Amino acid sequence: MSNTLSRILAAIELAALLIPASGRALFIAVLIWMDPFGKSIFPVGPFVLLLIAIAAMAGLWRILAAFIFKGAACFQDIHSVWWWLAITGAAMVVAALPLNLSYRLQFALPDSPLTDFIFYLSAVGYAGIYLLIPLAHVSIERWRQTRSSSHRNETVLA
């Protein structure tokens, strides 16, 4: 795939996947923070998980924006913290997949903080499952860039 086509595809992924997910996450986090009913009915667990998800999306925003505007050469300029934030969000999504399949188990267990955490993690993580697509895309582009640059270095040194 050409670099231009890959950058266009990344822009489409940003517009179609990341912008709506970021908007929903920010809206729900603000809703929990403001507590519109004044009864503190929203527990702290989903708010903390949402903050982690928002940080992960910020990392993905940074990586995708750099790739769209600078191309594949941007990966050497992106700090590893942004990658780790995005990978943390991906880990939360991957952890939520089996938990989402175990809803019956979650309701069969007695009510406890652990079952609440499982429910919150599955709800927040499963909502971001489609964000694995742009992360996989830029990860493959980064791998292609580092592979081609190491191949050039071997050719120059030989």
N, C-alpha and C. Protein backbone atom coordinates (compact mmCIF):
# COMPACT_ATOMS: atom_id res chain seq x y z
N MET A 1 0.85 -1.17 0.00
CA MET A 1 0.00 0.00 0.00
C MET A 1 0.90 1.23 0.00
N SER A 2 0.54 2.19 -0.80
CA SER A 2 1.35 3.40 -0.88
C SER A 2 1.19 4.24 0.39
N ASN A 3 2.17 5.08 0.61
CA ASN A 3 2.17 5.92 1.80
C ASN A 3 0.99 6.89 1.78
N THR A 4 0.66 7.45 0.63
CA THR A 4 -0.46 8.40 0.53
C THR A 4 -1.79 7.70 0.80
N LEU A 5 -1.97 6.53 0.22
CA LEU A 5 -3.21 5.79 0.44
C LEU A 5 -3.35 5.39 1.91
N SER A 6 -2.24 5.02 2.52
CA SER A 6 -2.27 4.64 3.94
C SER A 6 -2.61 5.84 4.82
N ARG A 7 -2.09 7.01 4.46
CA ARG A 7 -2.42 8.21 5.24
C ARG A 7 -3.88 8.61 5.07
N ILE A 8 -4.43 8.44 3.88
CA ILE A 8 -5.85 8.72 3.65
C ILE A 8 -6.71 7.76 4.45
N LEU A 9 -6.32 6.49 4.45
CA LEU A 9 -7.06 5.49 5.22
C LEU A 9 -6.99 5.82 6.72
N ALA A 10 -5.84 6.27 7.20
CA ALA A 10 -5.72 6.67 8.61
C ALA A 10 -6.62 7.87 8.92
N ALA A 11 -6.74 8.80 7.99
CA ALA A 11 -7.63 9.95 8.20
C ALA A 11 -9.09 9.51 8.26
N ILE A 12 -9.46 8.54 7.43
CA ILE A 12 -10.82 8.01 7.46
C ILE A 12 -11.07 7.30 8.79
N GLU A 13 -10.08 6.52 9.25
CA GLU A 13 -10.22 5.84 10.54
C GLU A 13 -10.38 6.84 11.67
N LEU A 14 -9.62 7.93 11.61
CA LEU A 14 -9.71 8.96 12.63
C LEU A 14 -11.10 9.58 12.63
N ALA A 15 -11.61 9.91 11.45
CA ALA A 15 -12.91 10.58 11.36
C ALA A 15 -14.07 9.64 11.69
N ALA A 16 -13.98 8.40 11.25
CA ALA A 16 -15.12 7.50 11.41
C ALA A 16 -15.12 6.75 12.74
N LEU A 17 -13.96 6.51 13.30
CA LEU A 17 -13.89 5.68 14.50
C LEU A 17 -13.48 6.45 15.75
N LEU A 18 -12.41 7.22 15.64
CA LEU A 18 -11.84 7.83 16.85
C LEU A 18 -12.61 9.06 17.31
N ILE A 19 -13.08 9.87 16.40
CA ILE A 19 -13.81 11.09 16.81
C ILE A 19 -15.11 10.74 17.55
N PRO A 20 -15.95 9.83 17.02
CA PRO A 20 -17.17 9.50 17.78
C PRO A 20 -16.89 8.83 19.12
N ALA A 21 -15.90 7.96 19.17
CA ALA A 21 -15.59 7.28 20.43
C ALA A 21 -15.06 8.26 21.47
N SER A 22 -14.24 9.20 21.02
CA SER A 22 -13.72 10.21 21.95
C SER A 22 -14.85 11.10 22.47
N GLY A 23 -15.74 11.49 21.58
CA GLY A 23 -16.87 12.32 21.99
C GLY A 23 -17.76 11.63 23.01
N ARG A 24 -18.05 10.35 22.78
CA ARG A 24 -18.87 9.60 23.74
C ARG A 24 -18.17 9.46 25.08
N ALA A 25 -16.89 9.13 25.05
CA ALA A 25 -16.15 8.95 26.31
C ALA A 25 -16.07 10.25 27.10
N LEU A 26 -15.79 11.35 26.42
CA LEU A 26 -15.73 12.64 27.11
C LEU A 26 -17.09 13.05 27.65
N PHE A 27 -18.15 12.81 26.88
CA PHE A 27 -19.49 13.15 27.34
C PHE A 27 -19.86 12.36 28.59
N ILE A 28 -19.61 11.07 28.59
CA ILE A 28 -19.95 10.24 29.75
C ILE A 28 -19.10 10.61 30.95
N ALA A 29 -17.81 10.91 30.72
CA ALA A 29 -16.95 11.31 31.84
C ALA A 29 -17.42 12.63 32.45
N VAL A 30 -17.81 13.58 31.61
CA VAL A 30 -18.32 14.86 32.12
C VAL A 30 -19.64 14.64 32.84
N LEU A 31 -20.49 13.76 32.31
CA LEU A 31 -21.76 13.46 32.95
C LEU A 31 -21.54 12.86 34.34
N ILE A 32 -20.60 11.94 34.44
CA ILE A 32 -20.31 11.35 35.75
C ILE A 32 -19.71 12.39 36.68
N TRP A 33 -18.82 13.24 36.17
CA TRP A 33 -18.16 14.25 37.00
C TRP A 33 -19.15 15.28 37.53
N MET A 34 -20.08 15.70 36.68
CA MET A 34 -21.03 16.75 37.09
C MET A 34 -22.14 16.22 37.99
N ASP A 35 -22.43 14.92 37.91
CA ASP A 35 -23.47 14.29 38.72
C ASP A 35 -24.79 15.08 38.61
N PRO A 36 -25.45 14.99 37.45
CA PRO A 36 -26.63 15.83 37.21
C PRO A 36 -27.80 15.55 38.14
N PHE A 37 -27.85 14.37 38.72
CA PHE A 37 -28.97 14.05 39.60
C PHE A 37 -28.69 14.44 41.05
N GLY A 38 -27.44 14.80 41.35
CA GLY A 38 -27.08 15.24 42.69
C GLY A 38 -27.17 14.17 43.75
N LYS A 39 -27.14 12.93 43.35
CA LYS A 39 -27.29 11.85 44.32
C LYS A 39 -26.08 10.93 44.35
N SER A 40 -25.05 11.27 43.60
CA SER A 40 -23.84 10.44 43.50
C SER A 40 -24.19 9.00 43.16
N ILE A 41 -25.06 8.85 42.17
CA ILE A 41 -25.46 7.50 41.78
C ILE A 41 -24.41 6.83 40.90
N PHE A 42 -23.47 7.62 40.38
CA PHE A 42 -22.45 7.06 39.52
C PHE A 42 -21.25 6.64 40.38
N PRO A 43 -20.85 5.39 40.31
CA PRO A 43 -19.70 4.96 41.09
C PRO A 43 -18.38 5.45 40.50
N VAL A 44 -17.35 5.36 41.30
CA VAL A 44 -16.04 5.86 40.90
C VAL A 44 -15.38 4.94 39.88
N GLY A 45 -15.66 3.64 39.93
CA GLY A 45 -15.02 2.67 39.04
C GLY A 45 -15.10 3.00 37.57
N PRO A 46 -16.30 3.25 37.02
CA PRO A 46 -16.34 3.57 35.60
C PRO A 46 -15.68 4.89 35.26
N PHE A 47 -15.68 5.84 36.21
CA PHE A 47 -15.03 7.12 35.94
C PHE A 47 -13.53 6.93 35.79
N VAL A 48 -12.92 6.13 36.65
CA VAL A 48 -11.48 5.87 36.56
C VAL A 48 -11.16 5.12 35.26
N LEU A 49 -11.98 4.12 34.93
CA LEU A 49 -11.76 3.39 33.69
C LEU A 49 -11.95 4.29 32.47
N LEU A 50 -12.90 5.21 32.55
CA LEU A 50 -13.08 6.17 31.45
C LEU A 50 -11.88 7.09 31.32
N LEU A 51 -11.30 7.51 32.43
CA LEU A 51 -10.11 8.35 32.35
C LEU A 51 -8.95 7.60 31.71
N ILE A 52 -8.81 6.32 32.04
CA ILE A 52 -7.78 5.50 31.40
C ILE A 52 -8.07 5.38 29.90
N ALA A 53 -9.33 5.17 29.55
CA ALA A 53 -9.71 5.06 28.14
C ALA A 53 -9.47 6.37 27.40
N ILE A 54 -9.76 7.49 28.04
CA ILE A 54 -9.54 8.79 27.40
C ILE A 54 -8.04 9.03 27.20
N ALA A 55 -7.22 8.64 28.16
CA ALA A 55 -5.77 8.77 28.00
C ALA A 55 -5.28 7.88 26.85
N ALA A 56 -5.84 6.69 26.74
CA ALA A 56 -5.46 5.80 25.64
C ALA A 56 -5.87 6.39 24.29
N MET A 57 -7.07 6.99 24.25
CA MET A 57 -7.51 7.62 23.01
C MET A 57 -6.65 8.84 22.67
N ALA A 58 -6.19 9.56 23.69
CA ALA A 58 -5.30 10.69 23.43
C ALA A 58 -4.00 10.21 22.80
N GLY A 59 -3.49 9.08 23.28
CA GLY A 59 -2.30 8.51 22.67
C GLY A 59 -2.54 8.12 21.22
N LEU A 60 -3.69 7.54 20.95
CA LEU A 60 -4.02 7.16 19.58
C LEU A 60 -4.24 8.39 18.70
N TRP A 61 -4.84 9.44 19.26
CA TRP A 61 -4.98 10.71 18.54
C TRP A 61 -3.61 11.23 18.12
N ARG A 62 -2.67 11.23 19.07
CA ARG A 62 -1.33 11.77 18.79
C ARG A 62 -0.64 10.97 17.69
N ILE A 63 -0.73 9.65 17.79
CA ILE A 63 -0.06 8.80 16.81
C ILE A 63 -0.69 8.95 15.43
N LEU A 64 -2.02 8.92 15.37
CA LEU A 64 -2.70 9.04 14.08
C LEU A 64 -2.49 10.41 13.45
N ALA A 65 -2.57 11.46 14.25
CA ALA A 65 -2.38 12.81 13.71
C ALA A 65 -0.98 12.98 13.15
N ALA A 66 0.01 12.48 13.87
CA ALA A 66 1.39 12.58 13.37
C ALA A 66 1.55 11.80 12.08
N PHE A 67 0.95 10.63 12.01
CA PHE A 67 1.06 9.82 10.80
C PHE A 67 0.35 10.47 9.63
N ILE A 68 -0.81 11.06 9.88
CA ILE A 68 -1.57 11.68 8.79
C ILE A 68 -0.82 12.90 8.24
N PHE A 69 -0.26 13.72 9.12
CA PHE A 69 0.36 14.97 8.67
C PHE A 69 1.82 14.83 8.28
N LYS A 70 2.56 13.90 8.87
CA LYS A 70 3.98 13.77 8.56
C LYS A 70 4.33 12.52 7.76
N GLY A 71 3.46 11.54 7.75
CA GLY A 71 3.76 10.31 7.04
C GLY A 71 4.48 9.32 7.93
N ALA A 72 5.00 8.27 7.32
CA ALA A 72 5.62 7.18 8.07
C ALA A 72 6.91 7.60 8.78
N ALA A 73 7.50 8.69 8.37
CA ALA A 73 8.73 9.15 9.01
C ALA A 73 8.48 9.70 10.41
N CYS A 74 7.23 9.90 10.78
CA CYS A 74 6.90 10.50 12.08
C CYS A 74 7.13 9.55 13.24
N PHE A 75 7.21 8.25 12.97
CA PHE A 75 7.24 7.29 14.07
C PHE A 75 8.50 7.41 14.93
N GLN A 76 9.59 7.88 14.36
CA GLN A 76 10.78 8.05 15.17
C GLN A 76 10.70 9.29 16.07
N ASP A 77 9.77 10.20 15.77
CA ASP A 77 9.60 11.42 16.58
C ASP A 77 8.57 11.25 17.69
N ILE A 78 7.73 10.21 17.62
CA ILE A 78 6.69 10.02 18.62
C ILE A 78 7.30 9.38 19.85
N HIS A 79 7.07 9.99 21.00
CA HIS A 79 7.60 9.46 22.26
C HIS A 79 6.91 8.15 22.60
N SER A 80 7.62 7.28 23.26
CA SER A 80 7.07 5.95 23.57
C SER A 80 5.90 6.00 24.54
N VAL A 81 5.77 7.08 25.30
CA VAL A 81 4.63 7.21 26.21
C VAL A 81 3.32 7.16 25.45
N TRP A 82 3.25 7.78 24.29
CA TRP A 82 2.02 7.77 23.50
C TRP A 82 1.67 6.35 23.06
N TRP A 83 2.69 5.59 22.69
CA TRP A 83 2.45 4.20 22.31
C TRP A 83 1.98 3.39 23.51
N TRP A 84 2.58 3.61 24.67
CA TRP A 84 2.17 2.84 25.85
C TRP A 84 0.75 3.18 26.28
N LEU A 85 0.36 4.44 26.13
CA LEU A 85 -1.03 4.80 26.44
C LEU A 85 -2.00 4.07 25.51
N ALA A 86 -1.69 4.06 24.23
CA ALA A 86 -2.56 3.38 23.27
C ALA A 86 -2.58 1.87 23.52
N ILE A 87 -1.44 1.31 23.87
CA ILE A 87 -1.38 -0.13 24.16
C ILE A 87 -2.15 -0.46 25.43
N THR A 88 -2.15 0.43 26.41
CA THR A 88 -2.94 0.23 27.62
C THR A 88 -4.43 0.17 27.29
N GLY A 89 -4.88 1.06 26.42
CA GLY A 89 -6.28 1.01 25.99
C GLY A 89 -6.59 -0.27 25.24
N ALA A 90 -5.66 -0.71 24.40
CA ALA A 90 -5.88 -1.97 23.68
C ALA A 90 -5.93 -3.15 24.64
N ALA A 91 -5.10 -3.12 25.67
CA ALA A 91 -5.13 -4.19 26.67
C ALA A 91 -6.46 -4.21 27.41
N MET A 92 -7.01 -3.02 27.69
CA MET A 92 -8.30 -2.96 28.35
C MET A 92 -9.40 -3.54 27.45
N VAL A 93 -9.32 -3.27 26.16
CA VAL A 93 -10.30 -3.81 25.22
C VAL A 93 -10.17 -5.33 25.14
N VAL A 94 -8.95 -5.81 25.03
CA VAL A 94 -8.74 -7.26 24.93
C VAL A 94 -9.18 -7.95 26.21
N ALA A 95 -8.94 -7.33 27.36
CA ALA A 95 -9.39 -7.91 28.63
C ALA A 95 -10.91 -7.91 28.73
N ALA A 96 -11.55 -6.96 28.07
CA ALA A 96 -13.01 -6.87 28.15
C ALA A 96 -13.72 -7.91 27.28
N LEU A 97 -13.04 -8.44 26.29
CA LEU A 97 -13.70 -9.40 25.39
C LEU A 97 -14.18 -10.65 26.12
N PRO A 98 -13.32 -11.37 26.85
CA PRO A 98 -13.85 -12.55 27.55
C PRO A 98 -14.81 -12.17 28.67
N LEU A 99 -14.61 -11.01 29.28
CA LEU A 99 -15.52 -10.58 30.33
C LEU A 99 -16.91 -10.30 29.77
N ASN A 100 -16.96 -9.79 28.55
CA ASN A 100 -18.26 -9.52 27.94
C ASN A 100 -19.00 -10.82 27.64
N LEU A 101 -18.28 -11.87 27.38
CA LEU A 101 -18.91 -13.16 27.13
C LEU A 101 -19.41 -13.80 28.42
N SER A 102 -18.95 -13.32 29.56
CA SER A 102 -19.31 -13.93 30.83
C SER A 102 -20.34 -13.11 31.60
N TYR A 103 -21.25 -12.44 30.90
CA TYR A 103 -22.28 -11.66 31.59
C TYR A 103 -23.15 -12.54 32.49
N ARG A 104 -23.47 -13.71 32.02
CA ARG A 104 -24.29 -14.60 32.86
C ARG A 104 -23.56 -14.96 34.13
N LEU A 105 -22.26 -15.19 34.02
CA LEU A 105 -21.46 -15.50 35.21
C LEU A 105 -21.43 -14.31 36.16
N GLN A 106 -21.34 -13.10 35.59
CA GLN A 106 -21.28 -11.90 36.42
C GLN A 106 -22.57 -11.72 37.20
N PHE A 107 -23.70 -12.03 36.60
CA PHE A 107 -24.97 -11.88 37.31
C PHE A 107 -25.24 -13.06 38.24
N ALA A 108 -24.58 -14.19 38.02
CA ALA A 108 -24.77 -15.35 38.89
C ALA A 108 -23.97 -15.21 40.19
N LEU A 109 -22.88 -14.44 40.13
CA LEU A 109 -22.05 -14.25 41.32
C LEU A 109 -22.71 -13.25 42.26
N PRO A 110 -22.41 -13.34 43.55
CA PRO A 110 -22.99 -12.35 44.47
C PRO A 110 -22.42 -10.97 44.20
N ASP A 111 -23.21 -9.96 44.55
CA ASP A 111 -22.80 -8.59 44.32
C ASP A 111 -21.58 -8.25 45.18
N SER A 112 -20.52 -7.82 44.53
CA SER A 112 -19.29 -7.47 45.24
C SER A 112 -18.54 -6.44 44.41
N PRO A 113 -17.53 -5.80 44.98
CA PRO A 113 -16.73 -4.85 44.20
C PRO A 113 -16.04 -5.51 43.00
N LEU A 114 -15.67 -6.79 43.12
CA LEU A 114 -15.02 -7.47 42.00
C LEU A 114 -15.99 -7.66 40.84
N THR A 115 -17.20 -8.07 41.12
CA THR A 115 -18.17 -8.23 40.03
C THR A 115 -18.53 -6.88 39.42
N ASP A 116 -18.59 -5.84 40.23
CA ASP A 116 -18.82 -4.50 39.69
C ASP A 116 -17.68 -4.08 38.77
N PHE A 117 -16.44 -4.35 39.19
CA PHE A 117 -15.28 -4.00 38.37
C PHE A 117 -15.31 -4.77 37.04
N ILE A 118 -15.68 -6.05 37.10
CA ILE A 118 -15.76 -6.85 35.88
C ILE A 118 -16.81 -6.25 34.93
N PHE A 119 -17.94 -5.85 35.49
CA PHE A 119 -18.99 -5.25 34.66
C PHE A 119 -18.53 -3.92 34.06
N TYR A 120 -17.91 -3.07 34.86
CA TYR A 120 -17.45 -1.77 34.36
C TYR A 120 -16.36 -1.93 33.30
N LEU A 121 -15.42 -2.84 33.55
CA LEU A 121 -14.34 -3.06 32.59
C LEU A 121 -14.90 -3.60 31.27
N SER A 122 -15.86 -4.50 31.36
CA SER A 122 -16.43 -5.03 30.12
C SER A 122 -17.21 -3.95 29.38
N ALA A 123 -17.91 -3.09 30.10
CA ALA A 123 -18.69 -2.03 29.44
C ALA A 123 -17.78 -0.99 28.79
N VAL A 124 -16.78 -0.52 29.51
CA VAL A 124 -15.89 0.52 28.97
C VAL A 124 -14.99 -0.07 27.89
N GLY A 125 -14.44 -1.24 28.14
CA GLY A 125 -13.51 -1.83 27.18
C GLY A 125 -14.18 -2.27 25.89
N TYR A 126 -15.35 -2.87 26.02
CA TYR A 126 -16.04 -3.37 24.83
C TYR A 126 -16.51 -2.22 23.94
N ALA A 127 -16.74 -1.06 24.51
CA ALA A 127 -17.16 0.09 23.70
C ALA A 127 -16.05 0.57 22.77
N GLY A 128 -14.81 0.23 23.08
CA GLY A 128 -13.69 0.68 22.25
C GLY A 128 -13.08 -0.40 21.39
N ILE A 129 -13.83 -1.48 21.15
CA ILE A 129 -13.25 -2.61 20.41
C ILE A 129 -12.85 -2.22 18.99
N TYR A 130 -13.60 -1.36 18.34
CA TYR A 130 -13.29 -1.00 16.96
C TYR A 130 -12.10 -0.03 16.88
N LEU A 131 -11.63 0.48 18.02
CA LEU A 131 -10.43 1.32 17.99
C LEU A 131 -9.16 0.50 17.84
N LEU A 132 -9.29 -0.82 17.89
CA LEU A 132 -8.14 -1.68 17.59
C LEU A 132 -7.76 -1.59 16.11
N ILE A 133 -8.69 -1.20 15.26
CA ILE A 133 -8.41 -1.09 13.82
C ILE A 133 -7.37 -0.01 13.53
N PRO A 134 -7.58 1.26 13.98
CA PRO A 134 -6.53 2.25 13.69
C PRO A 134 -5.22 1.96 14.43
N LEU A 135 -5.30 1.37 15.63
CA LEU A 135 -4.06 1.03 16.34
C LEU A 135 -3.29 -0.03 15.58
N ALA A 136 -3.99 -1.04 15.07
CA ALA A 136 -3.32 -2.06 14.27
C ALA A 136 -2.74 -1.46 12.99
N HIS A 137 -3.44 -0.53 12.38
CA HIS A 137 -2.97 0.11 11.16
C HIS A 137 -1.66 0.86 11.39
N VAL A 138 -1.62 1.73 12.41
CA VAL A 138 -0.39 2.48 12.63
C VAL A 138 0.73 1.58 13.17
N SER A 139 0.37 0.51 13.86
CA SER A 139 1.40 -0.42 14.32
C SER A 139 2.05 -1.13 13.14
N ILE A 140 1.24 -1.52 12.17
CA ILE A 140 1.79 -2.15 10.97
C ILE A 140 2.64 -1.17 10.19
N GLU A 141 2.18 0.07 10.09
CA GLU A 141 2.97 1.09 9.39
C GLU A 141 4.30 1.35 10.11
N ARG A 142 4.26 1.36 11.42
CA ARG A 142 5.50 1.55 12.19
C ARG A 142 6.43 0.37 11.96
N TRP A 143 5.89 -0.83 11.96
CA TRP A 143 6.71 -2.02 11.72
C TRP A 143 7.31 -1.97 10.32
N ARG A 144 6.51 -1.57 9.32
CA ARG A 144 7.04 -1.45 7.96
C ARG A 144 8.13 -0.40 7.88
N GLN A 145 7.96 0.71 8.58
CA GLN A 145 8.96 1.78 8.55
C GLN A 145 10.26 1.33 9.19
N THR A 146 10.19 0.71 10.35
CA THR A 146 11.41 0.27 11.03
C THR A 146 12.07 -0.87 10.26
N ARG A 147 11.28 -1.72 9.65
CA ARG A 147 11.83 -2.81 8.85
C ARG A 147 12.54 -2.28 7.61
N SER A 148 11.94 -1.30 6.94
CA SER A 148 12.57 -0.76 5.75
C SER A 148 13.80 0.08 6.10
N SER A 149 13.77 0.79 7.22
CA SER A 149 14.94 1.57 7.60
C SER A 149 16.09 0.67 8.04
N SER A 150 15.79 -0.44 8.72
CA SER A 150 16.87 -1.35 9.09
C SER A 150 17.43 -2.06 7.85
N HIS A 151 16.57 -2.30 6.86
CA HIS A 151 17.04 -2.90 5.61
C HIS A 151 17.96 -1.93 4.87
N ARG A 152 17.62 -0.62 4.87
CA ARG A 152 18.48 0.38 4.24
C ARG A 152 19.81 0.47 4.96
N ASN A 153 19.78 0.41 6.30
CA ASN A 153 21.03 0.48 7.06
C ASN A 153 21.92 -0.71 6.76
N GLU A 154 21.35 -1.89 6.63
CA GLU A 154 22.15 -3.07 6.30
C GLU A 154 22.74 -2.95 4.90
N THR A 155 21.99 -2.36 3.98
CA THR A 155 22.47 -2.19 2.62
C THR A 155 23.63 -1.18 2.57
N VAL A 156 23.51 -0.12 3.34
CA VAL A 156 24.56 0.89 3.37
C VAL A 156 25.82 0.33 4.03
N LEU A 157 25.65 -0.43 5.09
CA LEU A 157 26.81 -0.97 5.80
C LEU A 157 27.50 -2.10 5.04
N ALA A 158 26.79 -2.76 4.16
CA ALA A 158 27.38 -3.92 3.45
C ALA A 158 28.29 -3.51 2.33
